[in-house]
Amino acid sequence: MRESNPVERITQAPIFLLFRVGDAARDAVERSLNRHGLRGKDFRTLTYAATGAHSQQELSAATGLDRTTMVAVIDRLERLGMAVRERGDDRRRQVVVPTAHGLHTLTVAFTELEHVQEEFLATLSPTGKQAMTSALSRLFTAHDPSCSTKDSP
């Protein structure tokens, strides 16, 4: 049996392939979101914020973003006019609330991302897409605690 060289080993390793495909997917998503002045972190945060009145800490836990990054993301969303910080039920707590502009941008961006996704996955059959989604969901849940929808805000 022939021993593979290091390049063959890495380019055939599922973890490396996942890493490289992830880079390509992130680039495609970021290009799409950039048309709206958003980055992936902004979009993710705005999406979770749209589900109800959540504190920065809750959004940080739900999105997997650290507290410092979350503050910067919310500051950016406020500058873009897509979210505001408001006093919550407990006056010591601030919650992040999407603006009408932010909600509209989410709707448009989600529609565009569906097209980006279809283009990106066009080489897969419907069965292949289902298998990939199932495998990625299992990996996502197993390796990132923020992935569980039951724990999300």
N, C-alpha and C. Protein backbone atom coordinates (compact mmCIF):
# COMPACT_ATOMS: atom_id res chain seq x y z
N MET A 1 0.84 -1.17 0.00
CA MET A 1 0.00 0.00 0.00
C MET A 1 0.88 1.24 0.00
N ARG A 2 0.56 2.17 -0.86
CA ARG A 2 1.35 3.38 -1.01
C ARG A 2 1.02 4.36 0.13
N GLU A 3 2.05 4.93 0.70
CA GLU A 3 1.86 5.92 1.75
C GLU A 3 1.57 7.27 1.11
N SER A 4 0.58 7.99 1.62
CA SER A 4 0.23 9.28 1.02
C SER A 4 1.19 10.37 1.50
N ASN A 5 1.37 11.35 0.66
CA ASN A 5 2.23 12.46 1.05
C ASN A 5 1.44 13.42 1.95
N PRO A 6 2.12 14.35 2.61
CA PRO A 6 1.43 15.25 3.55
C PRO A 6 0.30 16.07 2.91
N VAL A 7 0.47 16.51 1.68
CA VAL A 7 -0.58 17.29 1.02
C VAL A 7 -1.81 16.43 0.80
N GLU A 8 -1.63 15.19 0.34
CA GLU A 8 -2.77 14.30 0.17
C GLU A 8 -3.45 14.02 1.52
N ARG A 9 -2.65 13.84 2.55
CA ARG A 9 -3.22 13.56 3.87
C ARG A 9 -4.10 14.70 4.35
N ILE A 10 -3.62 15.91 4.20
CA ILE A 10 -4.40 17.03 4.72
C ILE A 10 -5.61 17.34 3.84
N THR A 11 -5.46 17.23 2.53
CA THR A 11 -6.58 17.56 1.64
C THR A 11 -7.63 16.46 1.59
N GLN A 12 -7.35 15.33 2.20
CA GLN A 12 -8.34 14.25 2.29
C GLN A 12 -8.89 14.09 3.70
N ALA A 13 -8.38 14.88 4.62
CA ALA A 13 -8.84 14.79 6.01
C ALA A 13 -10.17 15.55 6.17
N PRO A 14 -11.21 14.88 6.64
CA PRO A 14 -12.51 15.55 6.78
C PRO A 14 -12.45 16.86 7.58
N ILE A 15 -11.66 16.89 8.63
CA ILE A 15 -11.59 18.10 9.46
C ILE A 15 -11.00 19.26 8.67
N PHE A 16 -10.01 19.00 7.82
CA PHE A 16 -9.42 20.04 6.99
C PHE A 16 -10.42 20.48 5.92
N LEU A 17 -11.10 19.53 5.30
CA LEU A 17 -12.10 19.87 4.29
C LEU A 17 -13.20 20.73 4.90
N LEU A 18 -13.65 20.37 6.09
CA LEU A 18 -14.67 21.14 6.77
C LEU A 18 -14.18 22.56 7.05
N PHE A 19 -12.95 22.67 7.47
CA PHE A 19 -12.33 23.96 7.75
C PHE A 19 -12.31 24.83 6.49
N ARG A 20 -11.87 24.27 5.38
CA ARG A 20 -11.77 25.04 4.13
C ARG A 20 -13.13 25.38 3.55
N VAL A 21 -14.07 24.43 3.61
CA VAL A 21 -15.42 24.71 3.12
C VAL A 21 -16.06 25.78 4.02
N GLY A 22 -15.79 25.72 5.31
CA GLY A 22 -16.29 26.74 6.23
C GLY A 22 -15.79 28.12 5.86
N ASP A 23 -14.51 28.21 5.50
CA ASP A 23 -13.94 29.49 5.05
C ASP A 23 -14.68 30.01 3.82
N ALA A 24 -14.91 29.13 2.86
CA ALA A 24 -15.59 29.52 1.62
C ALA A 24 -17.03 29.93 1.90
N ALA A 25 -17.71 29.20 2.78
CA ALA A 25 -19.09 29.53 3.13
C ALA A 25 -19.15 30.87 3.84
N ARG A 26 -18.24 31.08 4.79
CA ARG A 26 -18.21 32.35 5.51
C ARG A 26 -17.99 33.51 4.55
N ASP A 27 -17.07 33.34 3.60
CA ASP A 27 -16.81 34.40 2.62
C ASP A 27 -18.06 34.71 1.80
N ALA A 28 -18.79 33.68 1.38
CA ALA A 28 -20.01 33.89 0.59
C ALA A 28 -21.07 34.62 1.41
N VAL A 29 -21.23 34.22 2.66
CA VAL A 29 -22.21 34.86 3.54
C VAL A 29 -21.81 36.30 3.82
N GLU A 30 -20.54 36.53 4.13
CA GLU A 30 -20.08 37.89 4.44
C GLU A 30 -20.27 38.82 3.24
N ARG A 31 -20.00 38.33 2.03
CA ARG A 31 -20.21 39.17 0.83
C ARG A 31 -21.68 39.56 0.70
N SER A 32 -22.57 38.62 0.96
CA SER A 32 -24.00 38.90 0.86
C SER A 32 -24.43 39.90 1.93
N LEU A 33 -24.00 39.69 3.16
CA LEU A 33 -24.39 40.58 4.26
C LEU A 33 -23.79 41.97 4.11
N ASN A 34 -22.60 42.03 3.54
CA ASN A 34 -21.91 43.31 3.38
C ASN A 34 -22.74 44.29 2.56
N ARG A 35 -23.56 43.79 1.66
CA ARG A 35 -24.43 44.68 0.86
C ARG A 35 -25.40 45.47 1.75
N HIS A 36 -25.60 44.99 2.96
CA HIS A 36 -26.50 45.65 3.92
C HIS A 36 -25.72 46.33 5.04
N GLY A 37 -24.40 46.37 4.89
CA GLY A 37 -23.56 46.97 5.91
C GLY A 37 -23.35 46.07 7.11
N LEU A 38 -23.72 44.81 6.99
CA LEU A 38 -23.63 43.86 8.11
C LEU A 38 -22.46 42.90 7.95
N ARG A 39 -22.05 42.37 9.08
CA ARG A 39 -21.11 41.25 9.12
C ARG A 39 -21.86 40.07 9.75
N GLY A 40 -21.27 38.91 9.64
CA GLY A 40 -21.91 37.70 10.17
C GLY A 40 -22.28 37.83 11.64
N LYS A 41 -21.40 38.41 12.44
CA LYS A 41 -21.66 38.57 13.87
C LYS A 41 -22.84 39.51 14.10
N ASP A 42 -22.92 40.55 13.28
CA ASP A 42 -24.04 41.50 13.40
C ASP A 42 -25.35 40.79 13.10
N PHE A 43 -25.35 40.03 12.01
CA PHE A 43 -26.55 39.33 11.55
C PHE A 43 -27.00 38.31 12.59
N ARG A 44 -26.06 37.56 13.11
CA ARG A 44 -26.37 36.55 14.12
C ARG A 44 -26.98 37.21 15.36
N THR A 45 -26.39 38.29 15.82
CA THR A 45 -26.89 38.99 17.01
C THR A 45 -28.26 39.59 16.76
N LEU A 46 -28.44 40.23 15.61
CA LEU A 46 -29.72 40.84 15.28
C LEU A 46 -30.82 39.78 15.18
N THR A 47 -30.48 38.62 14.64
CA THR A 47 -31.44 37.53 14.54
C THR A 47 -31.91 37.08 15.91
N TYR A 48 -30.97 36.85 16.83
CA TYR A 48 -31.36 36.45 18.18
C TYR A 48 -32.11 37.56 18.90
N ALA A 49 -31.69 38.81 18.70
CA ALA A 49 -32.36 39.95 19.34
C ALA A 49 -33.80 40.06 18.88
N ALA A 50 -34.07 39.65 17.65
CA ALA A 50 -35.42 39.75 17.10
C ALA A 50 -36.39 38.75 17.72
N THR A 51 -35.90 37.83 18.55
CA THR A 51 -36.77 36.83 19.16
C THR A 51 -37.39 37.29 20.47
N GLY A 52 -37.03 38.48 20.93
CA GLY A 52 -37.58 39.00 22.18
C GLY A 52 -36.61 39.96 22.83
N ALA A 53 -36.95 40.44 24.02
CA ALA A 53 -36.10 41.39 24.74
C ALA A 53 -35.02 40.62 25.50
N HIS A 54 -33.78 40.72 24.99
CA HIS A 54 -32.67 39.98 25.59
C HIS A 54 -31.55 40.92 25.99
N SER A 55 -30.94 40.62 27.11
CA SER A 55 -29.80 41.41 27.56
C SER A 55 -28.57 41.07 26.71
N GLN A 56 -27.56 41.93 26.81
CA GLN A 56 -26.31 41.67 26.09
C GLN A 56 -25.73 40.35 26.54
N GLN A 57 -25.81 40.07 27.83
CA GLN A 57 -25.26 38.82 28.36
C GLN A 57 -26.00 37.61 27.77
N GLU A 58 -27.31 37.68 27.69
CA GLU A 58 -28.09 36.59 27.09
C GLU A 58 -27.73 36.41 25.62
N LEU A 59 -27.59 37.53 24.90
CA LEU A 59 -27.22 37.44 23.49
C LEU A 59 -25.82 36.88 23.32
N SER A 60 -24.94 37.24 24.22
CA SER A 60 -23.58 36.72 24.17
C SER A 60 -23.58 35.20 24.32
N ALA A 61 -24.34 34.71 25.28
CA ALA A 61 -24.42 33.26 25.50
C ALA A 61 -25.07 32.55 24.32
N ALA A 62 -26.13 33.14 23.78
CA ALA A 62 -26.87 32.51 22.69
C ALA A 62 -26.07 32.47 21.39
N THR A 63 -25.31 33.51 21.13
CA THR A 63 -24.58 33.60 19.86
C THR A 63 -23.19 33.00 19.92
N GLY A 64 -22.69 32.76 21.13
CA GLY A 64 -21.33 32.25 21.27
C GLY A 64 -20.27 33.34 21.16
N LEU A 65 -20.69 34.59 21.17
CA LEU A 65 -19.74 35.71 21.10
C LEU A 65 -19.36 36.13 22.52
N ASP A 66 -18.08 36.45 22.73
CA ASP A 66 -17.67 36.89 24.06
C ASP A 66 -18.25 38.28 24.35
N ARG A 67 -18.23 38.66 25.62
CA ARG A 67 -18.87 39.91 26.06
C ARG A 67 -18.30 41.15 25.36
N THR A 68 -17.00 41.20 25.22
CA THR A 68 -16.36 42.36 24.58
C THR A 68 -16.80 42.48 23.13
N THR A 69 -16.81 41.36 22.42
CA THR A 69 -17.25 41.36 21.03
C THR A 69 -18.72 41.76 20.95
N MET A 70 -19.54 41.25 21.88
CA MET A 70 -20.96 41.57 21.88
C MET A 70 -21.19 43.06 22.03
N VAL A 71 -20.46 43.71 22.92
CA VAL A 71 -20.61 45.16 23.10
C VAL A 71 -20.29 45.87 21.79
N ALA A 72 -19.21 45.48 21.13
CA ALA A 72 -18.82 46.10 19.85
C ALA A 72 -19.88 45.86 18.77
N VAL A 73 -20.44 44.66 18.73
CA VAL A 73 -21.47 44.33 17.73
C VAL A 73 -22.72 45.18 17.97
N ILE A 74 -23.15 45.28 19.21
CA ILE A 74 -24.36 46.06 19.50
C ILE A 74 -24.10 47.54 19.24
N ASP A 75 -22.92 48.03 19.58
CA ASP A 75 -22.57 49.41 19.25
C ASP A 75 -22.69 49.64 17.75
N ARG A 76 -22.19 48.69 16.98
CA ARG A 76 -22.24 48.79 15.52
C ARG A 76 -23.69 48.76 15.02
N LEU A 77 -24.50 47.86 15.55
CA LEU A 77 -25.91 47.79 15.15
C LEU A 77 -26.64 49.09 15.49
N GLU A 78 -26.29 49.70 16.61
CA GLU A 78 -26.89 50.98 16.96
C GLU A 78 -26.47 52.07 15.97
N ARG A 79 -25.18 52.10 15.61
CA ARG A 79 -24.70 53.10 14.64
C ARG A 79 -25.39 52.92 13.29
N LEU A 80 -25.69 51.68 12.93
CA LEU A 80 -26.37 51.39 11.66
C LEU A 80 -27.88 51.64 11.74
N GLY A 81 -28.37 51.94 12.93
CA GLY A 81 -29.81 52.18 13.10
C GLY A 81 -30.62 50.90 13.07
N MET A 82 -29.99 49.76 13.38
CA MET A 82 -30.69 48.47 13.30
C MET A 82 -31.11 47.92 14.66
N ALA A 83 -30.58 48.50 15.73
CA ALA A 83 -30.95 48.05 17.08
C ALA A 83 -30.73 49.18 18.06
N VAL A 84 -31.42 49.09 19.19
CA VAL A 84 -31.25 50.05 20.28
C VAL A 84 -31.17 49.29 21.59
N ARG A 85 -30.53 49.92 22.55
CA ARG A 85 -30.53 49.40 23.92
C ARG A 85 -31.65 50.13 24.66
N GLU A 86 -32.47 49.37 25.36
CA GLU A 86 -33.56 49.95 26.14
C GLU A 86 -33.55 49.36 27.53
N ARG A 87 -34.18 50.05 28.45
CA ARG A 87 -34.33 49.51 29.80
C ARG A 87 -35.29 48.34 29.76
N GLY A 88 -34.92 47.28 30.44
CA GLY A 88 -35.80 46.12 30.52
C GLY A 88 -36.81 46.27 31.65
N ASP A 89 -37.49 45.19 31.97
CA ASP A 89 -38.45 45.21 33.08
C ASP A 89 -37.75 45.57 34.38
N ASP A 90 -36.56 45.07 34.55
CA ASP A 90 -35.72 45.41 35.69
C ASP A 90 -34.89 46.62 35.26
N ARG A 91 -35.05 47.75 35.89
CA ARG A 91 -34.41 48.97 35.41
C ARG A 91 -32.89 48.91 35.45
N ARG A 92 -32.33 47.92 36.12
CA ARG A 92 -30.88 47.75 36.13
C ARG A 92 -30.39 47.02 34.89
N ARG A 93 -31.31 46.49 34.14
CA ARG A 93 -30.95 45.64 33.00
C ARG A 93 -31.34 46.32 31.69
N GLN A 94 -30.39 46.35 30.76
CA GLN A 94 -30.70 46.85 29.42
C GLN A 94 -30.93 45.67 28.50
N VAL A 95 -31.87 45.85 27.59
CA VAL A 95 -32.14 44.83 26.59
C VAL A 95 -31.85 45.41 25.21
N VAL A 96 -31.57 44.54 24.27
CA VAL A 96 -31.29 44.94 22.90
C VAL A 96 -32.53 44.67 22.06
N VAL A 97 -32.99 45.70 21.37
CA VAL A 97 -34.22 45.60 20.60
C VAL A 97 -33.94 46.04 19.16
N PRO A 98 -34.27 45.19 18.18
CA PRO A 98 -34.10 45.60 16.78
C PRO A 98 -35.06 46.74 16.44
N THR A 99 -34.62 47.63 15.58
CA THR A 99 -35.48 48.70 15.07
C THR A 99 -36.27 48.15 13.88
N ALA A 100 -37.21 48.95 13.39
CA ALA A 100 -37.94 48.56 12.18
C ALA A 100 -36.97 48.37 11.03
N HIS A 101 -35.98 49.25 10.94
CA HIS A 101 -34.96 49.13 9.88
C HIS A 101 -34.18 47.81 10.04
N GLY A 102 -33.84 47.47 11.27
CA GLY A 102 -33.12 46.22 11.52
C GLY A 102 -33.94 45.00 11.16
N LEU A 103 -35.23 45.01 11.50
CA LEU A 103 -36.10 43.88 11.16
C LEU A 103 -36.29 43.75 9.65
N HIS A 104 -36.43 44.88 8.98
CA HIS A 104 -36.55 44.85 7.51
C HIS A 104 -35.27 44.31 6.89
N THR A 105 -34.13 44.76 7.39
CA THR A 105 -32.85 44.29 6.87
C THR A 105 -32.70 42.79 7.08
N LEU A 106 -33.13 42.29 8.24
CA LEU A 106 -33.09 40.84 8.50
C LEU A 106 -33.90 40.08 7.46
N THR A 107 -35.10 40.55 7.18
CA THR A 107 -35.96 39.88 6.21
C THR A 107 -35.31 39.81 4.84
N VAL A 108 -34.79 40.93 4.38
CA VAL A 108 -34.15 40.99 3.06
C VAL A 108 -32.89 40.12 3.05
N ALA A 109 -32.08 40.23 4.10
CA ALA A 109 -30.83 39.47 4.17
C ALA A 109 -31.08 37.97 4.21
N PHE A 110 -32.10 37.54 4.95
CA PHE A 110 -32.42 36.11 4.99
C PHE A 110 -32.79 35.60 3.60
N THR A 111 -33.58 36.38 2.87
CA THR A 111 -33.96 35.98 1.51
C THR A 111 -32.73 35.86 0.63
N GLU A 112 -31.84 36.83 0.71
CA GLU A 112 -30.61 36.79 -0.09
C GLU A 112 -29.73 35.61 0.32
N LEU A 113 -29.66 35.34 1.62
CA LEU A 113 -28.83 34.23 2.09
C LEU A 113 -29.37 32.88 1.63
N GLU A 114 -30.67 32.77 1.45
CA GLU A 114 -31.23 31.53 0.90
C GLU A 114 -30.70 31.30 -0.51
N HIS A 115 -30.59 32.36 -1.29
CA HIS A 115 -30.05 32.25 -2.66
C HIS A 115 -28.56 31.91 -2.61
N VAL A 116 -27.83 32.54 -1.71
CA VAL A 116 -26.40 32.25 -1.55
C VAL A 116 -26.22 30.78 -1.18
N GLN A 117 -27.04 30.32 -0.26
CA GLN A 117 -26.97 28.91 0.17
C GLN A 117 -27.25 27.97 -1.00
N GLU A 118 -28.28 28.26 -1.77
CA GLU A 118 -28.60 27.40 -2.92
C GLU A 118 -27.44 27.36 -3.92
N GLU A 119 -26.86 28.49 -4.20
CA GLU A 119 -25.71 28.53 -5.12
C GLU A 119 -24.53 27.75 -4.54
N PHE A 120 -24.27 27.95 -3.26
CA PHE A 120 -23.13 27.32 -2.62
C PHE A 120 -23.27 25.80 -2.60
N LEU A 121 -24.48 25.33 -2.40
CA LEU A 121 -24.73 23.88 -2.27
C LEU A 121 -25.22 23.24 -3.57
N ALA A 122 -25.16 23.97 -4.66
CA ALA A 122 -25.71 23.50 -5.94
C ALA A 122 -25.11 22.18 -6.43
N THR A 123 -23.90 21.87 -6.04
CA THR A 123 -23.28 20.62 -6.51
C THR A 123 -23.80 19.39 -5.77
N LEU A 124 -24.57 19.59 -4.70
CA LEU A 124 -25.10 18.46 -3.93
C LEU A 124 -26.52 18.13 -4.38
N SER A 125 -26.83 16.85 -4.35
CA SER A 125 -28.20 16.40 -4.62
C SER A 125 -29.06 16.74 -3.40
N PRO A 126 -30.38 16.71 -3.53
CA PRO A 126 -31.23 16.93 -2.35
C PRO A 126 -30.90 15.97 -1.21
N THR A 127 -30.64 14.71 -1.54
CA THR A 127 -30.27 13.74 -0.50
C THR A 127 -28.94 14.11 0.13
N GLY A 128 -28.00 14.56 -0.68
CA GLY A 128 -26.69 14.99 -0.17
C GLY A 128 -26.82 16.18 0.75
N LYS A 129 -27.69 17.13 0.39
CA LYS A 129 -27.92 18.30 1.24
C LYS A 129 -28.51 17.89 2.58
N GLN A 130 -29.47 16.96 2.55
CA GLN A 130 -30.09 16.48 3.80
C GLN A 130 -29.06 15.79 4.68
N ALA A 131 -28.23 14.94 4.07
CA ALA A 131 -27.21 14.22 4.82
C ALA A 131 -26.20 15.19 5.42
N MET A 132 -25.78 16.18 4.64
CA MET A 132 -24.83 17.17 5.12
C MET A 132 -25.44 17.97 6.27
N THR A 133 -26.67 18.41 6.12
CA THR A 133 -27.33 19.19 7.17
C THR A 133 -27.44 18.39 8.45
N SER A 134 -27.81 17.12 8.33
CA SER A 134 -27.93 16.26 9.50
C SER A 134 -26.58 16.09 10.20
N ALA A 135 -25.54 15.82 9.41
CA ALA A 135 -24.20 15.62 9.99
C ALA A 135 -23.70 16.91 10.64
N LEU A 136 -23.87 18.03 9.97
CA LEU A 136 -23.42 19.31 10.52
C LEU A 136 -24.19 19.67 11.78
N SER A 137 -25.47 19.40 11.81
CA SER A 137 -26.27 19.67 13.01
C SER A 137 -25.77 18.87 14.20
N ARG A 138 -25.46 17.60 13.97
CA ARG A 138 -24.93 16.75 15.05
C ARG A 138 -23.58 17.28 15.53
N LEU A 139 -22.71 17.65 14.59
CA LEU A 139 -21.40 18.19 14.96
C LEU A 139 -21.55 19.52 15.70
N PHE A 140 -22.43 20.36 15.20
CA PHE A 140 -22.66 21.68 15.78
C PHE A 140 -23.11 21.54 17.23
N THR A 141 -24.08 20.70 17.47
CA THR A 141 -24.61 20.49 18.81
C THR A 141 -23.57 19.86 19.73
N ALA A 142 -22.79 18.95 19.20
CA ALA A 142 -21.79 18.26 20.02
C ALA A 142 -20.62 19.16 20.41
N HIS A 143 -20.29 20.14 19.59
CA HIS A 143 -19.06 20.90 19.82
C HIS A 143 -19.26 22.35 20.20
N ASP A 144 -20.49 22.84 20.20
CA ASP A 144 -20.72 24.24 20.55
C ASP A 144 -21.98 24.33 21.38
N PRO A 145 -21.82 24.60 22.67
CA PRO A 145 -23.00 24.66 23.56
C PRO A 145 -24.02 25.71 23.15
N SER A 146 -23.61 26.74 22.41
CA SER A 146 -24.56 27.77 22.00
C SER A 146 -25.48 27.30 20.89
N CYS A 147 -25.25 26.10 20.38
CA CYS A 147 -26.01 25.61 19.22
C CYS A 147 -27.37 25.06 19.58
N SER A 148 -27.57 24.68 20.79
CA SER A 148 -28.83 24.06 21.18
C SER A 148 -29.94 25.09 21.17
N THR A 149 -30.96 24.85 20.35
CA THR A 149 -32.07 25.81 20.25
C THR A 149 -32.86 25.87 21.55
N LYS A 150 -32.86 24.80 22.32
CA LYS A 150 -33.65 24.83 23.56
C LYS A 150 -33.03 25.76 24.59
N ASP A 151 -31.71 26.04 24.47
CA ASP A 151 -31.06 26.94 25.41
C ASP A 151 -30.98 28.37 24.90
N SER A 152 -31.45 28.60 23.68
CA SER A 152 -31.38 29.93 23.10
C SER A 152 -32.43 30.82 23.70
N PRO A 153 -32.18 32.14 23.64
CA PRO A 153 -33.18 33.06 24.21
C PRO A 153 -34.48 32.99 23.46
